[in-house]
Protein backbone atom coordinates (compact mmCIF):
# COMPACT_ATOMS: atom_id res chain seq x y z
CA MET A 1 -11.72 -14.19 -15.33
CA THR A 2 -15.44 -12.06 -15.90
CA THR A 3 -16.96 -13.80 -12.90
CA GLN A 4 -13.97 -13.18 -10.90
CA ILE A 5 -13.71 -9.46 -10.97
CA ALA A 6 -17.59 -8.76 -11.43
CA GLY A 7 -19.26 -7.25 -8.10
CA THR A 8 -15.56 -6.16 -6.89
CA ARG A 9 -15.31 -1.97 -6.14
CA VAL A 10 -12.46 -0.67 -7.11
CA ALA A 11 -11.10 2.71 -6.86
CA PHE A 12 -8.53 4.46 -8.88
CA LEU A 13 -6.75 7.08 -7.35
CA GLY A 14 -5.30 9.09 -9.89
CA THR A 15 -6.20 8.57 -13.35
CA GLY A 16 -3.17 9.11 -15.77
CA ASN A 17 -2.38 7.16 -19.10
CA MET A 18 -1.40 4.04 -17.12
CA ALA A 19 -3.79 4.49 -14.80
CA GLU A 20 -6.78 4.72 -17.48
CA ALA A 21 -5.23 1.67 -19.55
CA VAL A 22 -6.36 -0.42 -16.50
CA LEU A 23 -9.38 1.00 -16.08
CA ALA A 24 -10.32 0.57 -19.61
CA GLY A 25 -9.06 -3.11 -19.50
CA ALA A 26 -10.58 -4.07 -15.96
CA LEU A 27 -14.16 -2.49 -17.54
CA THR A 28 -13.82 -4.79 -20.92
CA SER A 29 -12.98 -7.97 -18.54
CA GLY A 30 -16.02 -7.51 -17.02
CA LEU A 31 -16.16 -5.36 -14.75
CA ALA A 32 -19.16 -3.08 -14.47
CA PRO A 33 -19.22 0.75 -14.37
CA SER A 34 -21.39 0.96 -11.51
CA ASP A 35 -18.34 -0.46 -9.11
CA VAL A 36 -15.78 1.98 -10.20
CA VAL A 37 -14.76 5.24 -8.77
CA ALA A 38 -12.19 7.23 -10.21
CA THR A 39 -10.07 10.17 -8.42
CA VAL A 40 -9.65 13.29 -10.28
CA ARG A 41 -8.03 16.86 -9.52
CA ARG A 42 -10.32 18.89 -11.95
CA PRO A 43 -14.29 18.73 -12.70
CA GLU A 44 -13.96 18.51 -16.09
CA ARG A 45 -11.53 15.47 -16.16
CA GLY A 46 -14.19 13.90 -14.30
CA ALA A 47 -16.53 14.56 -16.79
CA GLU A 48 -14.25 13.09 -19.36
CA LEU A 49 -14.16 10.00 -17.74
CA ALA A 50 -17.66 9.67 -16.78
CA ASP A 51 -18.61 10.37 -20.17
CA ARG A 52 -16.13 7.99 -21.38
CA TYR A 53 -16.39 4.61 -19.52
CA GLY A 54 -19.86 5.19 -17.51
CA VAL A 55 -17.96 5.10 -13.61
CA GLY A 56 -18.77 7.50 -10.61
CA THR A 57 -15.71 9.96 -9.78
CA THR A 58 -14.30 12.39 -7.32
CA THR A 59 -12.25 14.70 -5.96
CA ASP A 60 -12.12 13.02 -2.58
CA ASN A 61 -9.36 10.28 -2.23
CA ALA A 62 -10.43 9.39 1.40
CA GLU A 63 -14.23 8.92 0.23
CA ALA A 64 -13.07 6.90 -3.20
CA VAL A 65 -11.44 4.65 -0.73
CA ALA A 66 -14.39 4.01 1.40
CA GLY A 67 -15.89 0.23 0.65
CA ALA A 68 -13.54 -0.92 -2.01
CA LYS A 69 -11.82 -4.06 -2.38
CA VAL A 70 -8.97 -3.23 -5.02
CA VAL A 71 -7.57 0.24 -4.68
CA VAL A 72 -5.29 1.27 -7.50
CA VAL A 73 -2.70 3.65 -7.25
CA GLY A 74 -2.11 5.44 -10.29
CA VAL A 75 -1.05 9.12 -9.17
CA LYS A 76 2.72 10.34 -9.72
CA PRO A 77 5.43 8.62 -7.61
CA LYS A 78 6.65 11.71 -5.55
CA ASP A 79 2.67 11.90 -4.97
CA VAL A 80 2.48 8.89 -2.83
CA ALA A 81 2.90 9.14 -0.21
CA ALA A 82 1.04 11.98 0.97
CA MET A 83 -1.80 10.40 -0.65
CA LEU A 84 -1.45 7.22 1.09
CA ASP A 85 -1.16 8.79 4.58
CA ALA A 86 -4.66 10.35 3.48
CA VAL A 87 -6.24 7.29 2.64
CA ALA A 88 -5.12 5.12 5.20
CA GLY A 89 -7.63 5.48 7.89
CA SER A 90 -10.70 4.77 4.97
CA LEU A 91 -8.79 1.34 4.04
CA ALA A 92 -10.87 -1.39 4.89
CA ALA A 93 -8.37 -3.97 6.69
CA ASP A 94 -8.76 -6.68 3.39
CA ALA A 95 -8.72 -3.87 0.63
CA VAL A 96 -5.72 -4.73 -2.04
CA VAL A 97 -3.54 -1.92 -2.84
CA VAL A 98 -2.06 -2.09 -6.06
CA SER A 99 0.68 0.08 -7.28
CA VAL A 100 0.80 1.01 -10.89
CA ALA A 101 3.22 4.32 -9.87
CA VAL A 102 6.76 3.63 -11.37
CA GLY A 103 9.75 2.67 -8.95
CA LEU A 104 8.34 2.85 -5.66
CA PRO A 105 8.95 -0.07 -3.92
CA LEU A 106 6.76 -2.15 -1.61
CA SER A 107 8.65 -0.69 1.89
CA VAL A 108 7.23 3.03 0.65
CA TYR A 109 3.25 1.60 1.11
CA ALA A 110 4.33 -0.67 4.23
CA ARG A 111 5.84 2.62 5.84
CA HIS A 112 2.42 4.34 5.16
CA LEU A 113 -0.49 1.99 5.45
CA PRO A 114 -1.82 -0.32 7.96
CA ALA A 115 0.50 -2.51 9.36
CA GLY A 116 -0.48 -5.76 7.39
CA GLN A 117 -2.42 -3.99 4.62
CA PRO A 118 -2.82 -6.27 1.48
CA VAL A 119 -0.50 -4.82 -1.28
CA VAL A 120 0.23 -5.82 -4.59
CA ARG A 121 3.25 -3.71 -7.08
CA THR A 122 2.68 -3.69 -10.63
CA MET A 123 4.52 -2.54 -13.33
CA PRO A 124 2.31 -2.07 -17.06
CA ASN A 125 4.24 -1.55 -20.22
CA THR A 126 2.72 1.35 -22.63
CA PRO A 127 0.94 -1.49 -25.35
CA ALA A 128 -1.30 -1.71 -22.47
CA GLN A 129 -3.39 1.00 -23.60
CA VAL A 130 -4.40 -1.13 -26.41
CA GLY A 131 -4.84 -4.44 -24.73
CA ALA A 132 -1.12 -5.74 -26.05
CA GLY A 133 0.73 -5.05 -22.94
CA VAL A 134 2.91 -7.17 -20.44
CA THR A 135 2.40 -6.67 -16.78
CA ALA A 136 4.85 -7.52 -13.99
CA VAL A 137 2.88 -8.60 -10.65
CA VAL A 138 4.93 -8.27 -7.43
CA ALA A 139 2.78 -9.80 -4.06
CA GLY A 140 3.57 -8.40 -1.28
CA PRO A 141 4.22 -10.25 1.72
CA THR A 142 0.49 -9.92 3.29
CA VAL A 143 -1.39 -10.23 0.71
CA ALA A 144 -3.76 -13.59 -0.21
CA ASP A 145 -3.12 -15.69 -3.19
CA ALA A 146 -6.85 -15.52 -4.35
CA ASP A 147 -6.26 -11.42 -4.19
CA VAL A 148 -3.27 -11.47 -6.60
CA ALA A 149 -5.37 -13.38 -8.69
CA LEU A 150 -7.99 -10.69 -8.68
CA VAL A 151 -5.54 -8.48 -9.50
CA GLU A 152 -4.23 -10.47 -12.60
CA ALA A 153 -7.72 -10.73 -13.46
CA LEU A 154 -8.67 -6.93 -13.45
CA LEU A 155 -5.58 -6.20 -15.36
CA GLY A 156 -6.01 -9.22 -18.09
CA GLY A 157 -7.48 -6.54 -20.39
CA THR A 158 -4.50 -4.59 -20.68
CA GLY A 159 -2.61 -8.33 -21.78
CA GLU A 160 -0.42 -10.61 -20.23
CA THR A 161 0.16 -10.39 -16.50
CA LEU A 162 3.65 -12.21 -15.06
CA ARG A 163 3.96 -12.95 -11.85
CA ILE A 164 7.84 -12.07 -10.70
CA THR A 165 9.80 -11.26 -7.67
CA GLU A 166 10.58 -7.61 -6.64
CA LYS A 167 14.11 -8.43 -7.15
CA GLU A 168 13.28 -9.01 -10.56
CA ILE A 169 11.09 -6.15 -11.14
CA ASP A 170 14.14 -3.83 -12.44
CA ALA A 171 15.35 -6.35 -14.77
CA PHE A 172 11.26 -6.42 -15.96
CA GLY A 173 11.27 -2.93 -16.40
CA ALA A 174 14.63 -2.65 -18.36
CA VAL A 175 13.28 -5.36 -20.93
CA ALA A 176 9.55 -4.78 -21.40
CA GLY A 177 8.69 -1.30 -19.44
CA SER A 178 11.42 0.33 -21.15
CA GLY A 179 11.22 -2.17 -24.41
CA PRO A 180 8.03 -0.14 -26.39
CA ALA A 181 10.99 2.74 -27.08
CA TYR A 182 13.63 0.05 -28.49
CA VAL A 183 11.22 -1.14 -30.80
CA PHE A 184 9.92 2.41 -31.88
CA TYR A 185 13.39 3.32 -32.36
CA VAL A 186 14.00 0.21 -34.41
CA VAL A 187 10.54 1.41 -36.34
CA ASP A 188 11.96 4.61 -37.12
CA ALA A 189 15.63 3.26 -38.31
CA MET A 190 13.40 1.08 -40.55
CA ALA A 191 11.52 3.96 -42.38
CA GLU A 192 14.17 6.28 -42.24
CA ALA A 193 16.03 3.52 -44.37
CA GLY A 194 13.02 3.01 -46.70
CA VAL A 195 12.95 6.98 -47.96
CA LEU A 196 17.06 6.65 -48.00
CA LEU A 197 15.94 3.97 -50.57
CA GLY A 198 13.59 5.94 -52.35
CA LEU A 199 10.61 4.57 -50.91
CA ALA A 200 7.47 7.53 -49.85
CA ARG A 201 8.18 8.20 -46.27
CA ASP A 202 4.44 7.12 -45.59
CA VAL A 203 4.62 3.80 -47.18
CA ALA A 204 8.03 3.21 -45.38
CA ARG A 205 6.78 4.21 -42.44
CA ARG A 206 3.92 1.47 -42.64
CA LEU A 207 6.23 -1.06 -44.33
CA ALA A 208 8.31 -0.86 -41.28
CA VAL A 209 4.91 -1.23 -38.46
CA GLN A 210 3.30 -3.78 -40.30
CA THR A 211 6.78 -5.95 -40.72
CA VAL A 212 7.13 -5.59 -36.87
CA LEU A 213 3.79 -6.21 -35.61
CA GLY A 214 3.25 -9.37 -38.34
CA SER A 215 6.87 -10.80 -36.75
CA GLY A 216 5.84 -9.68 -33.01
CA ARG A 217 2.71 -12.01 -34.17
CA LEU A 218 4.14 -14.58 -35.55
CA LEU A 219 7.10 -15.05 -32.58
CA ALA A 220 4.04 -15.82 -30.58
CA GLU A 221 1.94 -17.57 -32.32
CA THR A 222 4.66 -20.24 -33.17
CA GLY A 223 6.53 -20.32 -30.25
CA GLU A 224 9.75 -20.71 -32.04
CA HIS A 225 12.88 -19.59 -30.84
CA PRO A 226 13.49 -16.04 -33.09
CA ALA A 227 17.02 -17.43 -34.07
CA ILE A 228 15.14 -20.13 -35.94
CA LEU A 229 12.72 -17.82 -37.44
CA ARG A 230 15.37 -15.21 -38.16
CA GLU A 231 17.77 -18.02 -39.70
CA LYS A 232 14.60 -19.30 -42.22
CA VAL A 233 14.20 -15.22 -43.34
CA SER A 234 18.31 -15.54 -44.02
CA SER A 235 19.01 -17.75 -46.95
CA PRO A 236 22.86 -18.90 -47.47
CA GLY A 237 24.44 -15.62 -49.41
CA GLY A 238 21.30 -13.91 -49.48
CA THR A 239 20.14 -10.49 -49.11
CA THR A 240 19.11 -10.63 -45.29
CA ILE A 241 22.67 -12.10 -44.50
CA GLN A 242 24.06 -9.15 -45.56
CA ALA A 243 21.96 -7.20 -44.05
CA LEU A 244 22.74 -8.94 -40.25
CA LYS A 245 26.17 -9.37 -40.90
CA ARG A 246 26.56 -5.40 -41.08
CA LEU A 247 24.57 -5.07 -38.19
CA ASP A 248 26.68 -7.76 -35.96
CA ASP A 249 29.91 -5.75 -37.71
CA GLY A 250 27.77 -2.43 -36.31
CA GLY A 251 27.76 -4.05 -32.61
CA VAL A 252 24.34 -3.82 -32.71
CA ARG A 253 23.31 -6.48 -30.75
CA ALA A 254 26.27 -5.82 -28.03
CA ALA A 255 25.07 -2.48 -27.99
CA PHE A 256 20.86 -3.58 -27.01
CA LEU A 257 22.90 -5.48 -24.02
CA THR A 258 24.52 -2.60 -22.86
CA ALA A 259 21.41 -0.43 -23.10
CA ILE A 260 19.19 -2.31 -21.26
CA GLU A 261 21.80 -3.44 -18.68
CA ALA A 262 21.99 0.33 -18.61
CA ALA A 263 18.15 0.76 -18.33
CA ARG A 264 18.33 -1.90 -15.26
CA ASP A 265 21.31 0.08 -13.34
CA ARG A 266 18.95 3.47 -13.79
CA SER A 267 15.67 2.02 -12.24
CA ARG A 268 17.60 0.30 -9.43
CA GLU A 269 19.43 3.95 -8.55
CA LEU A 270 15.43 5.60 -9.00
CA GLY A 271 14.26 2.90 -6.41
CA GLU A 272 16.82 3.21 -3.87
CA GLU A 273 15.94 7.43 -4.29
CA LEU A 274 12.30 7.15 -3.98
CA GLY A 275 12.35 3.96 -1.28
CA THR A 276 14.93 5.81 0.89
CA GLU A 277 12.19 8.75 1.79
CA PRO A 278 12.09 9.95 5.92
CA GLN A 279 10.62 7.41 8.04
CA ALA A 280 6.99 6.87 8.88
CA ARG A 281 4.84 4.51 10.95
CA PRO A 282 2.01 3.00 9.75
CA THR A 283 -1.36 4.07 10.31
CA PRO A 284 -2.87 2.88 13.21
CA ARG A 285 -6.78 0.67 12.11
CA GLY A 286 -9.53 3.16 12.73
């Protein structure tokens, strides 16, 4: 992975939390700071990034993409179309545009970039900020497999990557994109239960966090189905099976199913809204 991205010129257009997570992960994977330029709106933000990562910064998006092999689009979705229009004429024909902007379909990029420009749509989740995320990778119709592999190498420092189709991305977002919030919800409930049972609040929180962390690691390292691991904890007539029965009586499993389905449906709605902007002709190649 290191040799794959070493020497690759990368421009980051926008450096919000997720784009910064991708930037930090790419540097840990072998991308040299001297090969990175990040765009910012405020000089003080540029100074912060330069000090933290040693990368170049600029307030000029068109200047940033000139000569870049990979261009990571990390601005807010509402700002993407105007930003693409501004940089389209400065992109190299083989530059790979990588979207980390939530909800924007590939069709939006096709309308605002020169015809045939390679585009990869991605969806990281928030654990990418600590190198433990999972990122969906959707290849556009004109991107070469080698360029998709390059993007995956760039994302490697954020955790795992998974190639999917664009029609699957709403389901991915409902499970993995929103998923950390579900886990935080469960951890908070477990910690509150610990307080109810008489534990100090900091102790209850530590127990809940470490239990979820350790359980996830056990799942990942053993490769066993979660139902099998659950059964190993649930002794006949014991405490765990009684607790699980109460969860089933409360409809917790069904609630998770309907909640994730609702997240998928809302993602589809947002994608349709974002994808139905006024039509624009692709920018002609310089």
